[in-house]
Amino acid sequence: MSQAVLITNARLVNEGRIDEGDLLAVDGRIAQVGGHISHPTAAVIDAAGRVLMPGMIDDQVHFREPGATHKGDQATESRAAIAGGITSFMEMPNTKPQTVTLDALEAKFGLAAGRAWGNHAFYLGATNDNIDEIRRLGVDQTCGIKVFMGASTGNMLVDDPKTLEQIFRDAPTLVATHCEDTPTIKANEEHYRADYGDNIPMHLHPLIRSEEACWLSSSFAVDLARRFATRLHVLHLTTARELALFETGPVTDKRITVEACVHHLYFSEADYAQRGTLIKCNPAIKTAADRAALRQALADDRIDVIATDHAPHTLEEKADPSYFKAPAGLPLVQHALAMALELVHDGVMPLTQLVRKVSHAPAELFNVRERGYLREGYWADLVLVDMERSQTIVRDDVLYKCGWSPLEGDTLRSSIVATIVNGDLKYREGEFLGSAGGMRLEFERR
């Protein structure tokens, strides 16, 4: 059993309120919240007025295991995530082998057992020919079904309309989509290849992975979801135009939801000049106007959650000068919550709403059992944040296996002080405590 942990003198941020008080965790769960609490044997952490919030639930990561463990693995990347305040994660299926059968899905849980520092679930991937596996998926077996509606390779690119109709009609649980239209992207690539060959300048990436490519695919996904009453979650939105597809309001009232990722809220196309391939990702980081629209849509509750799409590659891979060979993806989990908190510092939204976007809403959206809130009886997944302690990102402090961050040299205005997972203090002031103890996420669905 976990040792009892008592956090005193905290600013408790939860369910739209900020209250001063204490929190007690016993046997892995929150036993008492608020007021002055005492306990005879609990380990005491004095929050000294800092923010205590539920841990971030990241609904989109690529930890590269199995098949590409030179870039990252369940242990290294989840450990970095804990240092960043992410206590639960949901990992994508485009591994080697791909997670496109129920056996492969369960094998991933085996890889994470005893090695993942955070609580975890894994998506089942859709292909052009695995509809029978999708139909067999238990409604609460994992977080959802991932559909690459463009921008993938092999049979994980699902672009046949009839196959997509089957998936959206028969999916027993949430469908999460990557929305970019491949024919549009290919045409844009050929257009710029005629001028530049393989050395297309990186600042053209958002024109190749264009607004039109995103719109064509995301509007198709939303149309399918409406036709078949599918529970749809659109991942990593990047354009102002696409926002018209989604409704405002609380996540619990929606069957079609949408996510924004920290890098699309932080960077803009102006950053390609300095960072080049280091911020190459799919879908692409786009204009400052798109970034502003995404931020406003979060504040308006049109965009429901904030995630990372953490996707590490080695520096050697990223340094390839060919536009077509340099891989897409950024390592982000270590600093994602601090990046999101920049929205609070910038006045985009209050802290209570930010906590909703990174903790409450993901729990509600995916029907995660007993996590995402500071509630008595819930699992004690907690993050202590110093909103006044800035941090400058330097390579020597980076914890990813790939060893670098796209934020190097940047200063963020908040820092993670401590992270508690399932009632165990796992990270405090730059040090890791104990060993990996993440649990398989459970879901409450009908």
Protein backbone atom coordinates (compact mmCIF):
# COMPACT_ATOMS: atom_id res chain seq x y z
CA MET A 1 0.00 0.00 0.00
CA SER A 2 1.07 3.58 -0.60
CA GLN A 3 2.27 5.60 2.35
CA ALA A 4 -0.20 8.25 3.42
CA VAL A 5 0.74 11.65 1.98
CA LEU A 6 -0.49 14.94 3.41
CA ILE A 7 -0.08 18.11 1.37
CA THR A 8 -0.61 21.23 3.45
CA ASN A 9 -1.03 24.94 2.73
CA ALA A 10 -1.96 24.45 -0.92
CA ARG A 11 -4.03 26.42 -3.39
CA LEU A 12 -6.39 23.64 -4.42
CA VAL A 13 -7.53 24.13 -8.02
CA ASN A 14 -10.49 21.94 -8.84
CA GLU A 15 -13.90 22.08 -10.53
CA GLY A 16 -13.84 25.81 -11.21
CA ARG A 17 -12.66 26.86 -7.74
CA ILE A 18 -9.43 27.81 -6.02
CA ASP A 19 -9.45 27.11 -2.29
CA GLU A 20 -6.71 27.24 0.30
CA GLY A 21 -6.31 24.07 2.30
CA ASP A 22 -4.83 20.61 2.66
CA LEU A 23 -5.23 17.26 0.89
CA LEU A 24 -4.68 13.79 2.32
CA ALA A 25 -4.03 10.67 0.23
CA VAL A 26 -4.27 7.24 1.87
CA ASP A 27 -3.80 3.86 0.15
CA GLY A 28 -3.43 5.52 -3.23
CA ARG A 29 -6.65 7.52 -3.11
CA ILE A 30 -7.72 10.95 -1.99
CA ALA A 31 -9.10 10.57 1.52
CA GLN A 32 -9.83 14.19 2.39
CA VAL A 33 -9.78 17.52 0.56
CA GLY A 34 -9.88 21.00 2.01
CA GLY A 35 -9.56 22.65 5.39
CA HIS A 36 -6.86 21.83 7.94
CA ILE A 37 -6.05 18.11 7.98
CA SER A 38 -3.84 16.12 10.32
CA HIS A 39 -2.65 12.52 10.13
CA PRO A 40 -0.38 10.73 12.59
CA THR A 41 1.89 8.92 10.14
CA ALA A 42 1.53 10.68 6.77
CA ALA A 43 4.52 12.07 4.93
CA VAL A 44 3.95 15.83 4.91
CA ILE A 45 4.61 18.11 1.96
CA ASP A 46 4.25 21.80 2.69
CA ALA A 47 2.92 23.37 -0.51
CA ALA A 48 3.73 26.85 0.85
CA GLY A 49 0.87 28.40 -1.08
CA ARG A 50 1.66 26.74 -4.40
CA VAL A 51 -0.97 25.31 -6.76
CA LEU A 52 -2.13 21.74 -6.23
CA MET A 53 -4.11 20.36 -9.16
CA PRO A 54 -5.07 16.98 -10.59
CA GLY A 55 -2.41 15.48 -12.83
CA MET A 56 -2.57 16.20 -16.55
CA ILE A 57 -4.17 13.46 -18.66
CA ASP A 58 -2.47 13.44 -22.06
CA ASP A 59 -4.71 11.83 -24.66
CA GLN A 60 -2.11 11.62 -27.43
CA VAL A 61 1.49 10.43 -27.19
CA HIS A 62 3.90 8.34 -29.26
CA PHE A 63 6.36 6.59 -26.93
CA ARG A 64 7.88 4.52 -29.80
CA GLU A 65 7.68 1.08 -28.20
CA PRO A 66 7.69 -1.45 -29.74
CA GLY A 67 9.80 -0.98 -32.84
CA ALA A 68 11.63 2.35 -32.49
CA THR A 69 13.09 2.26 -29.01
CA HIS A 70 16.22 4.15 -30.07
CA LYS A 71 13.91 7.22 -30.01
CA GLY A 72 11.99 6.49 -26.80
CA ASP A 73 10.21 3.78 -24.83
CA GLN A 74 7.50 3.31 -22.24
CA ALA A 75 9.91 3.82 -19.35
CA THR A 76 11.93 6.81 -20.55
CA GLU A 77 9.10 8.87 -21.98
CA SER A 78 6.63 8.23 -19.16
CA ARG A 79 9.34 9.20 -16.67
CA ALA A 80 9.81 12.49 -18.52
CA ALA A 81 6.05 12.93 -18.50
CA ILE A 82 5.90 12.55 -14.72
CA ALA A 83 8.53 15.29 -14.38
CA GLY A 84 6.19 17.43 -16.49
CA GLY A 85 3.09 16.79 -14.39
CA ILE A 86 1.45 14.26 -16.73
CA THR A 87 0.15 11.40 -14.58
CA SER A 88 -1.83 9.51 -17.26
CA PHE A 89 -1.26 9.05 -20.97
CA MET A 90 -2.91 7.44 -24.00
CA GLU A 91 -0.51 6.08 -26.59
CA MET A 92 -0.91 5.80 -30.34
CA PRO A 93 -0.92 2.61 -32.47
CA ASN A 94 1.60 3.43 -35.22
CA THR A 95 4.36 1.34 -33.66
CA LYS A 96 6.23 -1.63 -35.14
CA PRO A 97 4.32 -3.88 -35.19
CA GLN A 98 1.25 -1.70 -35.44
CA THR A 99 -1.35 -1.95 -32.69
CA VAL A 100 -4.12 -3.09 -35.02
CA THR A 101 -5.22 -6.35 -33.39
CA LEU A 102 -6.58 -7.04 -29.94
CA ASP A 103 -3.58 -9.29 -29.27
CA ALA A 104 -1.18 -6.46 -30.15
CA LEU A 105 -3.18 -4.12 -27.93
CA GLU A 106 -2.86 -6.40 -24.92
CA ALA A 107 0.83 -6.94 -25.68
CA LYS A 108 1.38 -3.20 -25.28
CA PHE A 109 -0.14 -3.28 -21.84
CA GLY A 110 2.35 -6.02 -21.07
CA LEU A 111 5.23 -3.81 -22.19
CA ALA A 112 4.03 -1.01 -19.91
CA ALA A 113 3.44 -3.17 -16.83
CA GLY A 114 6.03 -2.32 -14.19
CA ARG A 115 7.82 0.09 -16.55
CA ALA A 116 5.43 2.97 -17.19
CA TRP A 117 5.65 5.70 -14.57
CA GLY A 118 2.22 7.05 -15.43
CA ASN A 119 -1.20 5.47 -15.78
CA HIS A 120 -1.81 4.38 -19.34
CA ALA A 121 -4.06 3.21 -22.13
CA PHE A 122 -3.38 2.35 -25.76
CA TYR A 123 -5.43 3.04 -28.86
CA LEU A 124 -6.44 0.30 -31.26
CA GLY A 125 -5.46 1.43 -34.75
CA ALA A 126 -7.82 1.23 -37.71
CA THR A 127 -6.64 -0.10 -41.06
CA ASN A 128 -8.21 -0.80 -44.41
CA ASP A 129 -8.81 -4.40 -43.41
CA ASN A 130 -9.27 -4.80 -39.65
CA ILE A 131 -12.95 -3.93 -39.25
CA ASP A 132 -13.56 -7.32 -37.57
CA GLU A 133 -10.98 -6.48 -34.87
CA ILE A 134 -12.65 -3.11 -34.33
CA ARG A 135 -16.04 -4.77 -33.92
CA ARG A 136 -14.55 -7.15 -31.32
CA LEU A 137 -13.11 -4.34 -29.20
CA GLY A 138 -14.70 -4.12 -25.77
CA VAL A 139 -16.42 -0.82 -25.08
CA ASP A 140 -14.22 -0.23 -22.03
CA GLN A 141 -11.14 -2.16 -23.16
CA THR A 142 -9.11 0.95 -23.91
CA CYS A 143 -9.29 4.65 -24.70
CA GLY A 144 -10.43 4.53 -28.34
CA ILE A 145 -9.90 3.68 -31.99
CA LYS A 146 -7.33 5.76 -33.87
CA VAL A 147 -8.05 6.49 -37.53
CA PHE A 148 -5.39 8.11 -39.72
CA MET A 149 -7.60 9.82 -42.31
CA GLY A 150 -4.53 10.76 -44.30
CA ALA A 151 -0.91 11.49 -43.38
CA SER A 152 0.19 7.96 -42.56
CA THR A 153 1.87 5.04 -44.27
CA GLY A 154 0.91 1.53 -45.29
CA ASN A 155 -2.48 0.21 -44.33
CA MET A 156 -2.86 2.68 -41.44
CA LEU A 157 -3.81 5.31 -44.00
CA VAL A 158 -7.57 4.75 -44.09
CA ASP A 159 -8.90 6.80 -46.97
CA ASP A 160 -11.45 4.52 -48.62
CA PRO A 161 -14.88 6.08 -48.02
CA LYS A 162 -16.66 2.74 -47.64
CA THR A 163 -14.10 1.50 -45.12
CA LEU A 164 -14.44 4.72 -43.16
CA GLU A 165 -18.22 4.38 -43.21
CA GLN A 166 -17.90 0.89 -41.71
CA ILE A 167 -15.56 2.13 -38.98
CA PHE A 168 -17.74 5.10 -38.04
CA ARG A 169 -20.91 2.98 -38.16
CA ASP A 170 -19.63 -0.02 -36.19
CA ALA A 171 -17.06 1.42 -33.76
CA PRO A 172 -18.01 0.24 -30.27
CA THR A 173 -16.25 3.16 -28.61
CA LEU A 174 -14.74 6.58 -29.28
CA VAL A 175 -13.10 7.21 -32.66
CA ALA A 176 -10.10 9.59 -32.65
CA THR A 177 -8.93 10.96 -35.99
CA HIS A 178 -5.84 12.48 -37.54
CA CYS A 179 -7.36 14.66 -40.26
CA GLU A 180 -5.28 15.67 -43.29
CA ASP A 181 -6.23 14.99 -46.90
CA THR A 182 -3.44 13.02 -48.57
CA PRO A 183 -4.23 13.86 -52.24
CA THR A 184 -4.08 17.58 -51.40
CA ILE A 185 -0.76 17.14 -49.58
CA LYS A 186 0.71 15.13 -52.45
CA ALA A 187 -0.32 17.78 -54.98
CA ASN A 188 1.26 20.50 -52.84
CA GLU A 189 4.46 18.48 -52.50
CA GLU A 190 4.76 18.11 -56.25
CA HIS A 191 4.09 21.81 -56.76
CA TYR A 192 6.98 22.82 -54.50
CA ARG A 193 9.24 19.98 -55.59
CA ALA A 194 9.17 21.47 -59.09
CA ASP A 195 10.84 24.59 -57.70
CA TYR A 196 13.07 23.22 -54.95
CA GLY A 197 13.60 19.50 -55.54
CA ASP A 198 14.02 17.64 -52.24
CA ASN A 199 15.30 20.75 -50.46
CA ILE A 200 11.97 22.46 -49.91
CA PRO A 201 12.39 25.23 -47.29
CA MET A 202 10.84 24.30 -43.97
CA HIS A 203 8.72 27.46 -43.85
CA LEU A 204 6.65 25.95 -46.68
CA HIS A 205 5.62 23.00 -44.53
CA PRO A 206 2.32 24.66 -43.47
CA LEU A 207 1.54 25.37 -47.11
CA ILE A 208 2.11 21.73 -48.03
CA ARG A 209 0.25 20.39 -45.01
CA SER A 210 -2.21 23.13 -45.78
CA GLU A 211 -5.37 24.58 -44.31
CA GLU A 212 -7.29 23.05 -47.22
CA ALA A 213 -5.83 19.59 -46.53
CA CYS A 214 -6.93 19.84 -42.91
CA TRP A 215 -10.38 21.19 -43.73
CA LEU A 216 -11.21 18.55 -46.34
CA SER A 217 -10.41 15.74 -43.95
CA SER A 218 -11.82 17.13 -40.70
CA SER A 219 -15.08 18.21 -42.34
CA PHE A 220 -15.42 14.70 -43.80
CA ALA A 221 -14.82 13.14 -40.37
CA VAL A 222 -17.43 15.37 -38.74
CA ASP A 223 -19.91 14.59 -41.52
CA LEU A 224 -19.39 10.85 -41.01
CA ALA A 225 -19.82 11.20 -37.26
CA ARG A 226 -23.09 13.07 -37.70
CA ARG A 227 -24.40 10.53 -40.20
CA PHE A 228 -23.64 7.53 -37.98
CA ALA A 229 -23.94 9.17 -34.52
CA THR A 230 -20.32 8.23 -33.85
CA ARG A 231 -18.53 9.39 -30.74
CA LEU A 232 -15.78 11.37 -32.51
CA HIS A 233 -12.71 13.12 -31.13
CA VAL A 234 -10.67 15.14 -33.65
CA LEU A 235 -7.02 15.35 -32.70
CA HIS A 236 -4.55 18.26 -32.96
CA LEU A 237 -6.58 20.95 -34.69
CA THR A 238 -4.40 23.60 -36.34
CA THR A 239 -6.53 26.07 -38.32
CA ALA A 240 -9.05 28.79 -37.63
CA ARG A 241 -11.19 27.57 -40.52
CA GLU A 242 -11.81 24.17 -38.95
CA LEU A 243 -13.20 25.68 -35.76
CA ALA A 244 -16.56 26.23 -37.50
CA LEU A 245 -17.06 22.46 -37.43
CA PHE A 246 -17.32 22.33 -33.64
CA GLU A 247 -19.79 23.57 -31.05
CA THR A 248 -19.13 25.55 -27.89
CA GLY A 249 -20.15 24.23 -24.49
CA PRO A 250 -19.18 21.67 -21.85
CA VAL A 251 -17.55 18.46 -23.01
CA THR A 252 -20.20 16.34 -21.30
CA ASP A 253 -22.84 17.69 -23.73
CA LYS A 254 -20.94 16.76 -26.90
CA ARG A 255 -20.61 13.69 -29.11
CA ILE A 256 -18.06 15.44 -31.33
CA THR A 257 -15.06 16.89 -29.50
CA VAL A 258 -11.75 18.41 -30.49
CA GLU A 259 -8.23 18.78 -29.13
CA ALA A 260 -5.46 21.34 -29.43
CA CYS A 261 -1.82 20.48 -28.79
CA VAL A 262 0.66 22.55 -26.83
CA HIS A 263 3.04 23.17 -29.74
CA HIS A 264 0.26 24.54 -31.95
CA LEU A 265 -0.69 26.89 -29.11
CA TYR A 266 2.92 27.95 -28.52
CA PHE A 267 4.74 28.16 -31.88
CA SER A 268 3.77 29.82 -35.16
CA GLU A 269 5.15 29.77 -38.71
CA ALA A 270 7.59 32.54 -37.71
CA ASP A 271 9.49 29.95 -35.65
CA TYR A 272 10.52 27.87 -38.68
CA ALA A 273 13.28 30.37 -39.48
CA GLN A 274 15.13 29.59 -36.24
CA ARG A 275 14.02 26.03 -35.40
CA GLY A 276 13.55 24.49 -38.84
CA THR A 277 13.03 20.73 -38.80
CA LEU A 278 13.00 20.70 -34.98
CA ILE A 279 9.39 21.89 -35.13
CA LYS A 280 8.37 19.92 -38.21
CA CYS A 281 5.19 18.04 -37.25
CA ASN A 282 2.01 16.76 -38.82
CA PRO A 283 -0.33 18.57 -38.98
CA ALA A 284 1.97 21.52 -39.39
CA ILE A 285 2.39 24.50 -37.09
CA LYS A 286 0.60 27.25 -38.98
CA THR A 287 0.10 31.02 -38.80
CA ALA A 288 0.05 33.34 -35.81
CA ALA A 289 -3.58 34.07 -36.70
CA ASP A 290 -4.40 30.35 -36.53
CA ARG A 291 -2.64 30.11 -33.18
CA ALA A 292 -4.63 33.06 -31.84
CA ALA A 293 -7.88 31.49 -33.05
CA LEU A 294 -7.04 28.18 -31.35
CA ARG A 295 -6.32 29.96 -28.08
CA GLN A 296 -9.60 31.87 -28.28
CA ALA A 297 -11.50 28.68 -29.08
CA LEU A 298 -10.10 27.10 -25.92
CA ALA A 299 -11.28 30.05 -23.88
CA ASP A 300 -14.70 29.83 -25.56
CA ASP A 301 -14.99 26.08 -24.82
CA ARG A 302 -15.10 25.22 -28.50
CA ILE A 303 -11.84 23.26 -28.17
CA ASP A 304 -12.24 20.78 -25.35
CA VAL A 305 -8.81 19.50 -24.29
CA ILE A 306 -5.09 20.22 -24.49
CA ALA A 307 -2.64 17.40 -25.28
CA THR A 308 0.90 16.94 -26.58
CA ASP A 309 1.20 14.51 -29.52
CA HIS A 310 4.65 13.84 -28.03
CA ALA A 311 6.65 12.19 -30.83
CA PRO A 312 10.42 11.94 -30.33
CA HIS A 313 13.07 11.48 -33.03
CA THR A 314 16.84 11.57 -32.67
CA LEU A 315 18.69 14.76 -33.47
CA GLU A 316 20.49 12.94 -36.27
CA GLU A 317 17.16 12.05 -37.85
CA LYS A 318 15.83 15.58 -37.44
CA ALA A 319 18.98 17.08 -38.96
CA ASP A 320 18.45 15.47 -42.37
CA PRO A 321 18.49 18.39 -44.83
CA SER A 322 15.92 16.82 -47.14
CA TYR A 323 12.40 18.11 -46.49
CA PHE A 324 11.03 14.66 -47.31
CA LYS A 325 13.43 12.69 -45.09
CA ALA A 326 13.46 14.80 -41.92
CA PRO A 327 10.76 13.12 -39.78
CA ALA A 328 7.76 14.92 -38.30
CA GLY A 329 7.23 15.02 -34.55
CA LEU A 330 8.34 16.84 -31.39
CA PRO A 331 9.25 15.61 -27.89
CA LEU A 332 7.05 17.60 -25.51
CA VAL A 333 5.76 15.80 -22.40
CA GLN A 334 8.41 17.09 -19.99
CA HIS A 335 7.36 20.70 -20.45
CA ALA A 336 3.80 20.38 -21.77
CA LEU A 337 1.95 21.45 -18.63
CA ALA A 338 4.26 24.43 -18.15
CA MET A 339 3.69 25.33 -21.83
CA ALA A 340 -0.07 25.15 -21.28
CA LEU A 341 0.24 27.33 -18.17
CA GLU A 342 1.65 30.06 -20.40
CA LEU A 343 -1.97 30.57 -21.48
CA VAL A 344 -2.77 31.55 -17.91
CA HIS A 345 0.20 33.89 -17.68
CA ASP A 346 -0.82 35.44 -21.01
CA GLY A 347 -4.38 36.06 -19.79
CA VAL A 348 -5.98 33.72 -22.33
CA MET A 349 -7.88 31.83 -19.63
CA PRO A 350 -8.01 31.56 -15.84
CA LEU A 351 -6.17 28.80 -14.04
CA THR A 352 -9.43 27.00 -13.22
CA GLN A 353 -10.26 26.70 -16.91
CA LEU A 354 -6.76 25.53 -17.79
CA VAL A 355 -7.09 22.73 -15.22
CA ARG A 356 -10.37 21.78 -16.86
CA LYS A 357 -8.68 21.51 -20.27
CA VAL A 358 -5.76 19.34 -19.13
CA SER A 359 -7.35 17.25 -16.36
CA HIS A 360 -11.14 17.35 -15.94
CA ALA A 361 -12.15 17.39 -19.62
CA PRO A 362 -9.91 14.50 -20.76
CA ALA A 363 -11.29 12.40 -17.91
CA GLU A 364 -14.86 13.22 -18.92
CA LEU A 365 -14.26 12.94 -22.67
CA PHE A 366 -12.78 9.43 -22.39
CA ASN A 367 -14.92 8.36 -19.42
CA VAL A 368 -11.82 7.67 -17.33
CA ARG A 369 -12.75 6.03 -14.06
CA GLU A 370 -11.98 7.99 -10.86
CA ARG A 371 -9.25 10.28 -12.14
CA GLY A 372 -8.89 13.87 -13.28
CA TYR A 373 -10.33 15.60 -10.21
CA LEU A 374 -9.47 16.40 -6.60
CA ARG A 375 -12.35 14.32 -5.24
CA GLU A 376 -12.48 12.12 -2.19
CA GLY A 377 -12.32 8.48 -3.26
CA TYR A 378 -10.58 9.24 -6.55
CA TRP A 379 -7.05 8.07 -7.28
CA ALA A 380 -4.48 10.52 -5.96
CA ASP A 381 -2.88 11.73 -9.20
CA LEU A 382 -1.61 15.15 -8.19
CA VAL A 383 0.74 17.86 -9.37
CA LEU A 384 2.23 20.65 -7.27
CA VAL A 385 3.01 23.68 -9.44
CA ASP A 386 4.95 26.84 -8.70
CA MET A 387 3.36 29.50 -10.88
CA GLU A 388 6.08 32.02 -9.99
CA ARG A 389 9.22 29.93 -10.55
CA SER A 390 10.40 30.30 -14.11
CA GLN A 391 12.56 27.73 -15.90
CA THR A 392 14.85 28.10 -18.89
CA ILE A 393 15.00 24.94 -20.96
CA VAL A 394 18.54 23.60 -21.43
CA ARG A 395 19.61 20.36 -23.07
CA ASP A 396 21.37 19.02 -20.00
CA ASP A 397 18.03 18.88 -18.17
CA VAL A 398 16.12 17.08 -20.94
CA LEU A 399 14.91 13.62 -19.89
CA TYR A 400 13.75 12.14 -23.20
CA LYS A 401 15.76 9.29 -24.67
CA CYS A 402 16.26 11.42 -27.80
CA GLY A 403 18.06 13.98 -25.60
CA TRP A 404 16.72 17.28 -26.96
CA SER A 405 13.74 19.63 -26.78
CA PRO A 406 12.35 22.12 -29.32
CA LEU A 407 12.09 24.59 -26.43
CA GLU A 408 15.82 24.85 -25.71
CA GLY A 409 16.68 28.43 -24.81
CA ASP A 410 13.07 29.36 -24.04
CA THR A 411 11.90 30.42 -20.59
CA LEU A 412 8.58 29.20 -19.20
CA ARG A 413 7.04 31.03 -16.28
CA SER A 414 5.91 27.98 -14.24
CA SER A 415 7.63 24.89 -12.88
CA ILE A 416 6.52 21.47 -11.69
CA VAL A 417 7.55 21.00 -8.05
CA ALA A 418 6.21 17.51 -7.34
CA THR A 419 4.12 14.77 -8.95
CA ILE A 420 2.15 12.09 -7.14
CA VAL A 421 0.82 9.04 -9.01
CA ASN A 422 -1.70 6.70 -7.37
CA GLY A 423 -0.85 8.23 -4.01
CA ASP A 424 2.92 7.75 -4.34
CA LEU A 425 5.30 10.67 -4.52
CA LYS A 426 7.25 9.92 -7.69
CA TYR A 427 8.96 13.21 -8.51
CA ARG A 428 10.03 16.15 -6.38
CA GLU A 429 12.35 19.05 -7.11
CA GLY A 430 14.18 17.34 -9.96
CA GLU A 431 14.50 13.93 -8.29
CA PHE A 432 12.63 10.70 -8.99
CA LEU A 433 11.50 8.58 -6.08
CA GLY A 434 10.80 4.87 -6.00
CA SER A 435 10.10 3.05 -9.25
CA ALA A 436 7.54 2.98 -12.02
CA GLY A 437 4.04 2.36 -10.69
CA GLY A 438 1.60 3.39 -13.40
CA MET A 439 -1.68 1.51 -13.65
CA ARG A 440 -3.87 0.53 -16.58
CA LEU A 441 -6.55 3.18 -17.00
CA GLU A 442 -10.12 2.02 -16.50
CA PHE A 443 -13.14 3.43 -18.33
CA GLU A 444 -16.80 3.74 -17.37
CA ARG A 445 -18.86 3.29 -20.55
CA ARG A 446 -22.11 1.69 -21.58
